[in-house]
Amino acid sequence: MAMQNLLKLPHPPSAVMASNDLTAIGALGAIHHAGLRVPDDISIIGFDDMSFAQLTQPPLTTVVISRIQLAITAFAALDRLIRKEETNGVDYRIPTHLIVRASTRALRNGG
């Protein structure tokens, strides 16, 4: 639904980053249903590198995040809250990296 709304805009985006791979896969379907092509008309990036992200057509570009590190960081933040420790300004960082597959391409001539 969100991708369909984006495609109805007077100037639809040239790229979309979804909150997770499953949402990105849904966006792939909406783009295909609208008669557009990924990445020729619009690039799609997912987030979390689900095991089947590389099996979509085209294979999905995605951001990898360690679920273990995410859980450790979430528990550390929760522990701080439970202990009533200062939480303002606390910076939690979780390393990520981009896996570039065929659902993205560089912009042509500024857009």
Protein backbone atom coordinates (compact mmCIF):
# COMPACT_ATOMS: atom_id res chain seq x y z
CA MET A 1 0.00 0.00 0.00
CA ALA A 2 2.77 2.46 0.89
CA MET A 3 4.64 1.72 -2.34
CA GLN A 4 1.44 2.14 -4.34
CA ASN A 5 0.95 5.57 -2.74
CA LEU A 6 4.54 6.57 -3.53
CA LEU A 7 4.08 5.54 -7.17
CA LYS A 8 0.97 7.79 -7.43
CA LEU A 9 2.96 10.91 -6.50
CA PRO A 10 3.44 13.52 -9.25
CA HIS A 11 7.20 12.91 -8.93
CA PRO A 12 7.69 9.38 -7.57
CA PRO A 13 11.04 8.61 -5.92
CA SER A 14 13.90 7.11 -7.89
CA ALA A 15 14.80 4.90 -4.91
CA VAL A 16 13.15 3.57 -1.75
CA MET A 17 14.69 2.01 1.34
CA ALA A 18 12.27 -0.25 3.18
CA SER A 19 12.30 -0.90 6.92
CA ASN A 20 12.98 -4.59 6.29
CA ASP A 21 13.42 -7.06 3.44
CA LEU A 22 9.87 -8.37 3.61
CA THR A 23 8.50 -4.86 3.07
CA ALA A 24 10.98 -4.34 0.22
CA ILE A 25 9.78 -7.57 -1.39
CA GLY A 26 6.22 -6.27 -1.17
CA ALA A 27 7.40 -3.05 -2.82
CA LEU A 28 8.97 -5.09 -5.62
CA GLY A 29 5.56 -6.64 -6.26
CA ALA A 30 3.78 -3.27 -6.24
CA ILE A 31 6.30 -1.83 -8.68
CA HIS A 32 5.93 -4.83 -10.99
CA HIS A 33 2.12 -4.58 -10.76
CA ALA A 34 2.35 -0.90 -11.78
CA GLY A 35 4.21 -1.92 -14.95
CA LEU A 36 7.53 -0.48 -13.80
CA ARG A 37 10.92 -2.15 -13.60
CA VAL A 38 13.43 -2.45 -10.77
CA PRO A 39 16.06 -0.98 -10.94
CA ASP A 40 15.45 0.73 -14.31
CA ASP A 41 12.53 2.84 -13.06
CA ILE A 42 13.07 2.70 -9.29
CA SER A 43 15.71 1.18 -7.00
CA ILE A 44 14.76 -0.77 -3.87
CA ILE A 45 16.84 -1.47 -0.75
CA GLY A 46 15.77 -3.74 2.08
CA PHE A 47 17.08 -4.07 5.60
CA ASP A 48 18.10 -7.25 7.46
CA ASP A 49 19.23 -9.59 4.62
CA MET A 50 16.63 -12.33 4.94
CA SER A 51 17.88 -15.62 3.54
CA PHE A 52 15.68 -15.38 0.45
CA ALA A 53 16.46 -11.71 -0.38
CA GLN A 54 18.99 -12.91 -2.92
CA LEU A 55 16.34 -15.08 -4.59
CA THR A 56 13.92 -12.28 -5.51
CA GLN A 57 13.75 -10.96 -9.06
CA PRO A 58 15.84 -8.92 -9.22
CA PRO A 59 17.95 -9.95 -6.22
CA LEU A 60 17.42 -7.46 -3.39
CA THR A 61 20.08 -4.98 -2.27
CA THR A 62 19.95 -4.95 1.52
CA VAL A 63 21.61 -3.72 4.70
CA VAL A 64 22.94 -6.45 6.99
CA ILE A 65 22.68 -6.10 10.75
CA SER A 66 23.68 -8.66 13.35
CA ARG A 67 20.54 -9.80 15.14
CA ILE A 68 22.69 -10.98 18.03
CA GLN A 69 24.28 -7.54 18.37
CA LEU A 70 20.84 -5.92 18.06
CA ALA A 71 19.54 -8.10 20.91
CA ILE A 72 22.59 -7.39 23.10
CA THR A 73 22.21 -3.65 22.51
CA ALA A 74 18.47 -3.72 23.20
CA PHE A 75 19.01 -5.59 26.47
CA ALA A 76 21.74 -3.12 27.49
CA ALA A 77 19.34 -0.22 26.88
CA LEU A 78 16.58 -1.99 28.81
CA ASP A 79 18.96 -2.73 31.68
CA ARG A 80 19.85 0.98 31.86
CA LEU A 81 16.17 1.87 32.08
CA ILE A 82 15.46 -0.73 34.77
CA ARG A 83 18.41 0.52 36.84
CA LYS A 84 17.16 4.09 36.33
CA GLU A 85 20.53 5.10 34.94
CA GLU A 86 20.88 8.19 32.77
CA THR A 87 19.60 7.49 29.26
CA ASN A 88 19.59 10.98 27.73
CA GLY A 89 22.41 11.30 25.24
CA VAL A 90 23.35 7.61 25.39
CA ASP A 91 24.49 6.49 21.95
CA TYR A 92 23.98 2.86 20.96
CA ARG A 93 25.72 1.74 17.79
CA ILE A 94 25.28 -1.47 15.86
CA PRO A 95 27.56 -2.12 12.86
CA THR A 96 25.88 -2.65 9.50
CA HIS A 97 27.04 -3.19 5.95
CA LEU A 98 25.45 -2.93 2.54
CA ILE A 99 25.10 -5.90 0.22
CA VAL A 100 24.62 -4.54 -3.28
CA ARG A 101 22.56 -6.75 -5.55
CA ALA A 102 20.58 -6.06 -8.72
CA SER A 103 17.67 -4.06 -7.23
CA THR A 104 19.69 -0.83 -7.27
CA ARG A 105 21.55 1.21 -9.83
CA ALA A 106 23.26 4.60 -10.03
CA LEU A 107 21.24 7.64 -11.01
CA ARG A 108 21.47 8.74 -14.60
CA ASN A 109 21.98 12.45 -15.41
CA GLY A 110 20.92 13.78 -12.03
CA GLY A 111 17.74 11.82 -11.63
